[in-house]
Structure formats: C-alpha cells, structure tokens
N, C-alpha and C. Protein backbone atom coordinates (compact mmCIF):
# COMPACT_ATOMS: atom_id res chain seq x y z
N UNK A 1 4.58 -11.48 9.83
CA UNK A 1 4.61 -12.73 10.54
C UNK A 1 5.03 -12.58 11.94
N UNK A 2 4.37 -13.21 12.86
CA UNK A 2 4.67 -13.15 14.28
C UNK A 2 5.49 -14.37 14.72
N UNK A 3 6.24 -14.17 15.78
CA UNK A 3 6.88 -15.31 16.45
C UNK A 3 5.76 -16.04 17.13
N UNK A 4 5.96 -17.34 17.35
CA UNK A 4 4.95 -18.10 17.98
C UNK A 4 5.56 -19.20 18.90
N UNK A 5 4.80 -19.57 19.94
CA UNK A 5 5.23 -20.62 20.86
C UNK A 5 3.99 -21.40 21.23
N UNK A 6 4.18 -22.72 21.57
CA UNK A 6 3.14 -23.55 22.07
C UNK A 6 3.57 -24.09 23.38
N UNK A 7 2.65 -23.97 24.35
CA UNK A 7 2.95 -24.42 25.74
C UNK A 7 1.83 -25.43 26.05
N UNK A 8 2.24 -26.65 26.40
CA UNK A 8 1.33 -27.68 26.76
C UNK A 8 1.04 -27.57 28.26
N UNK A 9 -0.23 -27.59 28.59
CA UNK A 9 -0.68 -27.30 29.99
C UNK A 9 -1.63 -28.40 30.50
N UNK A 10 -1.68 -28.44 31.80
CA UNK A 10 -2.57 -29.42 32.43
C UNK A 10 -3.96 -28.76 32.73
N UNK A 11 -3.89 -27.47 33.16
CA UNK A 11 -5.09 -26.75 33.55
C UNK A 11 -5.17 -25.46 32.69
N UNK A 12 -6.08 -25.42 31.74
CA UNK A 12 -6.13 -24.34 30.79
C UNK A 12 -6.55 -22.99 31.41
N UNK A 13 -7.64 -22.99 32.22
CA UNK A 13 -8.19 -21.72 32.73
C UNK A 13 -7.14 -20.91 33.51
N UNK A 14 -6.46 -21.52 34.58
CA UNK A 14 -5.55 -20.69 35.31
C UNK A 14 -4.33 -20.27 34.46
N UNK A 15 -3.93 -21.12 33.58
CA UNK A 15 -2.78 -20.78 32.74
C UNK A 15 -3.14 -19.64 31.79
N UNK A 16 -4.30 -19.69 31.23
CA UNK A 16 -4.80 -18.64 30.32
C UNK A 16 -4.86 -17.33 31.07
N UNK A 17 -5.47 -17.32 32.28
CA UNK A 17 -5.59 -16.14 33.10
C UNK A 17 -4.26 -15.55 33.44
N UNK A 18 -3.31 -16.39 33.77
CA UNK A 18 -1.96 -15.92 34.17
C UNK A 18 -1.31 -15.17 32.98
N UNK A 19 -1.29 -15.77 31.82
CA UNK A 19 -0.61 -15.16 30.69
C UNK A 19 -1.37 -13.97 30.13
N UNK A 20 -2.67 -13.96 30.24
CA UNK A 20 -3.48 -12.80 29.85
C UNK A 20 -3.17 -11.63 30.73
N UNK A 21 -3.28 -11.80 32.03
CA UNK A 21 -3.21 -10.70 32.97
C UNK A 21 -1.76 -10.21 33.16
N UNK A 22 -0.81 -11.16 33.26
CA UNK A 22 0.54 -10.74 33.55
C UNK A 22 1.30 -10.15 32.36
N UNK A 23 0.97 -10.60 31.18
CA UNK A 23 1.80 -10.21 30.02
C UNK A 23 1.02 -9.48 28.92
N UNK A 24 -0.20 -9.11 29.21
CA UNK A 24 -0.96 -8.25 28.28
C UNK A 24 -1.31 -8.87 26.99
N UNK A 25 -1.39 -10.17 26.94
CA UNK A 25 -1.82 -10.84 25.72
C UNK A 25 -3.35 -10.76 25.64
N UNK A 26 -3.85 -11.02 24.43
CA UNK A 26 -5.30 -11.02 24.24
C UNK A 26 -5.76 -12.38 23.66
N UNK A 27 -6.93 -12.81 23.96
CA UNK A 27 -7.50 -14.07 23.44
C UNK A 27 -7.81 -13.87 21.95
N UNK A 28 -7.19 -14.69 21.08
CA UNK A 28 -7.45 -14.71 19.72
C UNK A 28 -8.46 -15.79 19.32
N UNK A 29 -8.39 -16.90 20.08
CA UNK A 29 -9.28 -18.03 19.79
C UNK A 29 -9.20 -18.96 21.01
N UNK A 30 -10.36 -19.53 21.39
CA UNK A 30 -10.40 -20.45 22.49
C UNK A 30 -11.35 -21.60 22.26
N UNK A 31 -11.11 -22.70 22.87
CA UNK A 31 -11.96 -23.90 22.81
C UNK A 31 -11.77 -24.65 24.12
N UNK A 32 -12.37 -25.80 24.25
CA UNK A 32 -12.28 -26.60 25.50
C UNK A 32 -10.86 -27.00 25.77
N UNK A 33 -10.07 -27.33 24.75
CA UNK A 33 -8.72 -27.88 24.95
C UNK A 33 -7.57 -27.04 24.46
N UNK A 34 -7.87 -25.77 24.14
CA UNK A 34 -6.75 -24.88 23.74
C UNK A 34 -7.22 -23.40 23.88
N UNK A 35 -6.18 -22.51 23.94
CA UNK A 35 -6.42 -21.10 23.97
C UNK A 35 -5.23 -20.44 23.20
N UNK A 36 -5.56 -19.63 22.23
CA UNK A 36 -4.54 -18.89 21.48
C UNK A 36 -4.52 -17.50 21.94
N UNK A 37 -3.36 -17.04 22.46
CA UNK A 37 -3.22 -15.66 23.01
C UNK A 37 -2.25 -14.93 22.06
N UNK A 38 -2.51 -13.62 21.89
CA UNK A 38 -1.70 -12.86 20.94
C UNK A 38 -1.35 -11.51 21.51
N UNK A 39 -0.26 -10.97 21.00
CA UNK A 39 0.13 -9.55 21.14
C UNK A 39 0.51 -9.15 19.70
N UNK A 40 0.99 -7.89 19.59
CA UNK A 40 1.41 -7.42 18.26
C UNK A 40 2.61 -8.21 17.79
N UNK A 41 3.42 -8.67 18.77
CA UNK A 41 4.73 -9.33 18.42
C UNK A 41 4.60 -10.84 18.19
N UNK A 42 3.75 -11.51 18.98
CA UNK A 42 3.73 -12.97 18.83
C UNK A 42 2.50 -13.63 19.30
N UNK A 43 2.43 -14.93 19.10
CA UNK A 43 1.24 -15.75 19.45
C UNK A 43 1.71 -16.85 20.40
N UNK A 44 0.95 -17.07 21.48
CA UNK A 44 1.23 -18.10 22.42
C UNK A 44 -0.04 -18.99 22.45
N UNK A 45 0.14 -20.28 22.03
CA UNK A 45 -0.95 -21.25 22.11
C UNK A 45 -0.77 -22.14 23.35
N UNK A 46 -1.79 -22.15 24.11
CA UNK A 46 -1.82 -23.03 25.34
C UNK A 46 -2.70 -24.24 24.92
N UNK A 47 -2.14 -25.43 24.98
CA UNK A 47 -2.81 -26.64 24.56
C UNK A 47 -2.88 -27.63 25.74
N UNK A 48 -4.06 -28.12 26.00
CA UNK A 48 -4.22 -29.09 27.14
C UNK A 48 -3.57 -30.41 26.72
N UNK A 49 -2.78 -31.00 27.63
CA UNK A 49 -2.19 -32.33 27.41
C UNK A 49 -3.25 -33.40 27.59
N UNK A 50 -2.99 -34.52 27.03
CA UNK A 50 -3.92 -35.66 27.18
C UNK A 50 -4.01 -36.11 28.62
N UNK A 51 -5.09 -36.82 28.97
CA UNK A 51 -5.25 -37.29 30.37
C UNK A 51 -4.10 -38.21 30.77
N UNK A 52 -3.57 -38.99 29.85
CA UNK A 52 -2.48 -39.90 30.16
C UNK A 52 -1.21 -39.06 30.54
N UNK A 53 -0.90 -38.05 29.81
CA UNK A 53 0.27 -37.20 30.16
C UNK A 53 -0.07 -36.38 31.40
N UNK A 54 -1.24 -35.89 31.56
CA UNK A 54 -1.58 -35.07 32.75
C UNK A 54 -1.43 -35.88 34.02
N UNK A 55 -1.71 -37.22 33.96
CA UNK A 55 -1.61 -38.04 35.17
C UNK A 55 -0.16 -38.15 35.66
N UNK A 56 0.82 -37.93 34.74
CA UNK A 56 2.22 -38.02 35.15
C UNK A 56 2.75 -36.73 35.76
N UNK A 57 1.99 -35.62 35.62
CA UNK A 57 2.41 -34.31 36.17
C UNK A 57 1.96 -34.22 37.61
N UNK A 58 2.86 -33.81 38.48
CA UNK A 58 2.52 -33.65 39.88
C UNK A 58 1.83 -32.34 40.10
N UNK A 59 0.81 -32.34 40.90
CA UNK A 59 0.14 -31.06 41.27
C UNK A 59 0.51 -30.78 42.69
N UNK A 60 0.75 -29.44 43.01
CA UNK A 60 1.11 -28.97 44.28
C UNK A 60 0.60 -27.56 44.42
N UNK A 61 0.48 -27.08 45.68
CA UNK A 61 0.05 -25.73 45.85
C UNK A 61 1.02 -24.74 45.20
N UNK A 62 2.27 -24.88 45.52
CA UNK A 62 3.33 -24.19 44.77
C UNK A 62 3.93 -25.15 43.77
N UNK A 63 3.84 -24.77 42.51
CA UNK A 63 4.26 -25.72 41.46
C UNK A 63 5.79 -26.02 41.56
N UNK A 64 6.14 -27.30 41.25
CA UNK A 64 7.55 -27.61 41.16
C UNK A 64 8.20 -26.86 40.03
N UNK A 65 9.37 -26.36 40.19
CA UNK A 65 10.05 -25.60 39.21
C UNK A 65 10.56 -26.51 38.11
N UNK A 66 10.12 -26.25 36.87
CA UNK A 66 10.49 -27.03 35.73
C UNK A 66 11.66 -26.33 34.97
N UNK A 67 12.88 -26.65 35.35
CA UNK A 67 14.03 -26.00 34.73
C UNK A 67 14.71 -26.85 33.62
N UNK A 68 14.33 -28.15 33.60
CA UNK A 68 14.96 -29.06 32.74
C UNK A 68 14.46 -29.04 31.29
N UNK A 69 14.26 -27.86 30.75
CA UNK A 69 13.82 -27.71 29.40
C UNK A 69 14.77 -26.74 28.67
N UNK A 70 15.03 -26.93 27.40
CA UNK A 70 15.93 -26.01 26.70
C UNK A 70 15.26 -24.73 26.19
N UNK A 71 13.99 -24.50 26.52
CA UNK A 71 13.26 -23.35 26.04
C UNK A 71 12.73 -22.59 27.23
N UNK A 72 12.84 -21.27 27.19
CA UNK A 72 12.24 -20.43 28.20
C UNK A 72 11.52 -19.24 27.52
N UNK A 73 10.24 -19.12 27.82
CA UNK A 73 9.48 -17.95 27.34
C UNK A 73 9.97 -16.71 28.00
N UNK A 74 9.96 -15.58 27.27
CA UNK A 74 10.37 -14.32 27.86
C UNK A 74 9.38 -13.22 27.44
N UNK A 75 9.06 -12.34 28.37
CA UNK A 75 8.15 -11.25 28.11
C UNK A 75 8.74 -9.92 28.59
N UNK A 76 8.64 -8.89 27.78
CA UNK A 76 9.06 -7.56 28.20
C UNK A 76 7.86 -6.94 28.95
N UNK A 77 8.12 -6.40 30.14
CA UNK A 77 7.05 -5.84 30.97
C UNK A 77 7.46 -4.44 31.41
N UNK A 78 6.50 -3.59 31.68
CA UNK A 78 6.90 -2.22 32.13
C UNK A 78 7.60 -2.21 33.45
N UNK A 79 7.19 -3.10 34.39
CA UNK A 79 7.79 -3.12 35.75
C UNK A 79 7.64 -4.52 36.35
N UNK A 80 8.75 -5.15 36.62
CA UNK A 80 8.78 -6.40 37.28
C UNK A 80 8.11 -6.35 38.68
N UNK A 81 8.51 -5.32 39.43
CA UNK A 81 8.00 -5.23 40.80
C UNK A 81 6.49 -5.02 40.82
N UNK A 82 5.97 -4.25 39.89
CA UNK A 82 4.52 -4.01 39.84
C UNK A 82 3.75 -5.28 39.50
N UNK A 83 4.41 -6.21 38.82
CA UNK A 83 3.78 -7.47 38.39
C UNK A 83 3.73 -8.52 39.48
N UNK A 84 4.63 -8.45 40.45
CA UNK A 84 4.74 -9.52 41.49
C UNK A 84 3.38 -9.82 42.16
N UNK A 85 2.60 -8.83 42.64
CA UNK A 85 1.30 -9.19 43.34
C UNK A 85 0.35 -9.95 42.41
N UNK A 86 0.26 -9.56 41.19
CA UNK A 86 -0.70 -10.19 40.23
C UNK A 86 -0.24 -11.64 40.02
N UNK A 87 1.09 -11.80 39.84
CA UNK A 87 1.55 -13.18 39.63
C UNK A 87 1.16 -14.10 40.81
N UNK A 88 1.40 -13.62 42.01
CA UNK A 88 1.08 -14.41 43.21
C UNK A 88 -0.41 -14.70 43.25
N UNK A 89 -1.24 -13.75 42.97
CA UNK A 89 -2.73 -13.88 42.99
C UNK A 89 -3.16 -14.90 41.98
N UNK A 90 -2.44 -14.97 40.84
CA UNK A 90 -2.84 -15.86 39.71
C UNK A 90 -2.18 -17.27 39.83
N UNK A 91 -1.48 -17.54 40.90
CA UNK A 91 -0.90 -18.86 41.06
C UNK A 91 0.54 -19.00 40.58
N UNK A 92 1.19 -17.88 40.20
CA UNK A 92 2.55 -17.93 39.79
C UNK A 92 3.46 -17.36 40.88
N UNK A 93 4.72 -17.21 40.59
CA UNK A 93 5.65 -16.69 41.64
C UNK A 93 6.86 -16.08 40.93
N UNK A 94 7.15 -14.83 41.20
CA UNK A 94 8.35 -14.19 40.74
C UNK A 94 9.54 -14.55 41.66
N UNK A 95 10.68 -14.75 41.08
CA UNK A 95 11.87 -15.00 41.94
C UNK A 95 12.17 -13.76 42.77
N UNK A 96 12.92 -13.95 43.86
CA UNK A 96 13.21 -12.77 44.72
C UNK A 96 14.00 -11.71 43.95
N UNK A 97 13.88 -10.48 44.35
CA UNK A 97 14.57 -9.33 43.72
C UNK A 97 16.07 -9.54 43.66
N UNK A 98 16.67 -10.13 44.67
CA UNK A 98 18.13 -10.30 44.67
C UNK A 98 18.66 -11.23 43.59
N UNK A 99 17.75 -11.99 42.96
CA UNK A 99 18.20 -12.91 41.88
C UNK A 99 18.12 -12.18 40.48
N UNK A 100 17.66 -10.98 40.45
CA UNK A 100 17.54 -10.25 39.19
C UNK A 100 18.96 -9.97 38.65
N UNK A 101 19.06 -9.90 37.30
CA UNK A 101 20.36 -9.53 36.74
C UNK A 101 20.17 -8.52 35.58
N UNK A 102 21.18 -7.86 35.22
CA UNK A 102 21.18 -6.87 34.13
C UNK A 102 21.96 -7.35 32.93
N UNK A 103 21.40 -7.17 31.77
CA UNK A 103 22.07 -7.59 30.56
C UNK A 103 21.46 -6.81 29.39
N UNK A 104 22.33 -6.25 28.58
CA UNK A 104 21.93 -5.52 27.34
C UNK A 104 20.86 -4.48 27.56
N UNK A 105 21.01 -3.67 28.61
CA UNK A 105 20.11 -2.57 28.91
C UNK A 105 18.78 -2.95 29.49
N UNK A 106 18.66 -4.16 29.96
CA UNK A 106 17.43 -4.65 30.57
C UNK A 106 17.66 -5.27 31.90
N UNK A 107 16.73 -5.20 32.80
CA UNK A 107 16.72 -5.93 34.00
C UNK A 107 15.96 -7.25 33.75
N UNK A 108 16.48 -8.38 34.20
CA UNK A 108 15.90 -9.65 33.99
C UNK A 108 15.52 -10.30 35.31
N UNK A 109 14.40 -11.05 35.28
CA UNK A 109 14.00 -11.77 36.47
C UNK A 109 13.14 -12.96 35.97
N UNK A 110 13.40 -14.12 36.56
CA UNK A 110 12.62 -15.32 36.22
C UNK A 110 11.43 -15.40 37.16
N UNK A 111 10.42 -16.09 36.65
CA UNK A 111 9.23 -16.38 37.47
C UNK A 111 8.70 -17.76 37.09
N UNK A 112 7.75 -18.21 37.88
CA UNK A 112 7.07 -19.46 37.56
C UNK A 112 5.63 -19.19 37.27
N UNK A 113 5.15 -19.84 36.18
CA UNK A 113 3.74 -19.79 35.89
C UNK A 113 3.01 -20.78 36.83
N UNK A 114 1.67 -20.85 36.79
CA UNK A 114 0.96 -21.71 37.72
C UNK A 114 1.28 -23.18 37.63
N UNK A 115 1.94 -23.60 36.59
CA UNK A 115 2.34 -25.04 36.45
C UNK A 115 3.81 -25.29 36.63
N UNK A 116 4.56 -24.23 37.03
CA UNK A 116 5.96 -24.39 37.32
C UNK A 116 6.92 -24.09 36.16
N UNK A 117 6.42 -23.70 35.00
CA UNK A 117 7.30 -23.36 33.90
C UNK A 117 8.06 -22.10 34.18
N UNK A 118 9.32 -22.04 33.93
CA UNK A 118 10.15 -20.90 34.21
C UNK A 118 9.95 -19.93 33.03
N UNK A 119 9.58 -18.70 33.36
CA UNK A 119 9.35 -17.65 32.40
C UNK A 119 10.25 -16.48 32.77
N UNK A 120 10.84 -15.86 31.82
CA UNK A 120 11.67 -14.69 32.05
C UNK A 120 10.94 -13.37 31.78
N UNK A 121 11.11 -12.44 32.67
CA UNK A 121 10.59 -11.09 32.48
C UNK A 121 11.75 -10.16 32.26
N UNK A 122 11.56 -9.18 31.41
CA UNK A 122 12.56 -8.10 31.25
C UNK A 122 11.85 -6.78 31.39
N UNK A 123 12.59 -5.77 31.90
CA UNK A 123 12.08 -4.42 31.98
C UNK A 123 13.19 -3.48 31.60
N UNK A 124 12.85 -2.25 31.19
CA UNK A 124 13.89 -1.29 30.84
C UNK A 124 14.80 -1.01 32.09
N UNK A 125 16.07 -0.89 31.86
CA UNK A 125 16.98 -0.66 32.92
C UNK A 125 17.08 0.82 33.20
N UNK A 126 16.44 1.25 34.32
CA UNK A 126 16.54 2.64 34.71
C UNK A 126 16.84 2.67 36.20
N UNK A 127 17.26 3.73 36.68
CA UNK A 127 17.56 3.88 38.14
C UNK A 127 16.25 3.73 38.90
N UNK A 128 16.22 2.67 39.81
CA UNK A 128 15.03 2.39 40.57
C UNK A 128 14.60 3.57 41.50
N UNK A 129 15.58 4.24 42.02
CA UNK A 129 15.27 5.41 42.91
C UNK A 129 14.58 6.46 42.08
N UNK A 130 15.07 6.71 40.89
CA UNK A 130 14.44 7.72 39.99
C UNK A 130 13.06 7.25 39.58
N UNK A 131 12.89 5.94 39.24
CA UNK A 131 11.56 5.50 38.81
C UNK A 131 10.57 5.51 39.93
N UNK A 132 11.00 5.33 41.16
CA UNK A 132 10.02 5.35 42.30
C UNK A 132 9.54 6.80 42.52
N UNK A 133 10.30 7.77 42.12
CA UNK A 133 9.87 9.17 42.26
C UNK A 133 8.89 9.67 41.12
N UNK A 134 8.87 8.84 40.04
CA UNK A 134 8.04 9.27 38.91
C UNK A 134 6.58 9.04 39.26
N UNK A 135 5.64 9.92 38.80
CA UNK A 135 4.25 9.72 39.03
C UNK A 135 3.74 8.51 38.27
N UNK A 136 2.82 7.76 38.84
CA UNK A 136 2.27 6.61 38.18
C UNK A 136 0.82 6.79 37.81
C-alpha cells in the first residue's frame, strides 16, 4: 500500500508538469479533469476544481503563497540546488538558500508550486563543499 495525497488545482497541465519533472513522479492515469501521478512510495492525484471554486482563486504571474493550510506535501530530492532552475522554468519557486534548515540528517527547503502551494523538499545532509567536488 502506498501513501496518497489529493491536491485540488485550477490548471491541470502546468501543475502536472511541475510535479512530474521536479519530483520524478510518473503518470499513472490522466483525463480532462484529473491526473494521477505515482512513485514507488506514493500516489499524488491532481484534481481540477469546479469553475465556481476556480473563480475564487486569484491568478498572478508569481502565485500567492498559500500557507494557511494544515498540510504540506514533502518530497525527497537528490539536490535542492539542482532543482531550482527547473522549478522556476515550470512556474514554481524555491525559497532562498538562507531559509533552508537541517533536521534529522536532512536539509529542508520550502518551495511554491505554480499555484502557490507550499511544498517541502528534503535532501541528504552532506558537506556542500565536498558535494560540489564530486563528479556529476
């Protein structure tokens, strides 16, 4: 059994592209109003909200940060820094490096998806100077 989450979205295509490319999920199923993404560990369903609800959501070039929710998705990634350009290209935004924190052997950093949802990234905690010297 996998862990699962459902995220209600206004624009399916950019949100699907963001989660696919940034977090290595794969499309399990898709239709006009939803997309189910999966990894070995869990399933993320993106579901388009109704037109009535969508009309209440503000659209902006940079999405308004939605922090007033008791749930935050989190993804383990190989490198937060390597992911920053892809996030920006896909309409998201990683928080600045100085806001990162360390906890339980991981480096943590929040980011925004294209609709402003706060998502947490974690990476293995290793010496950055040493990792910069490693071949890629």
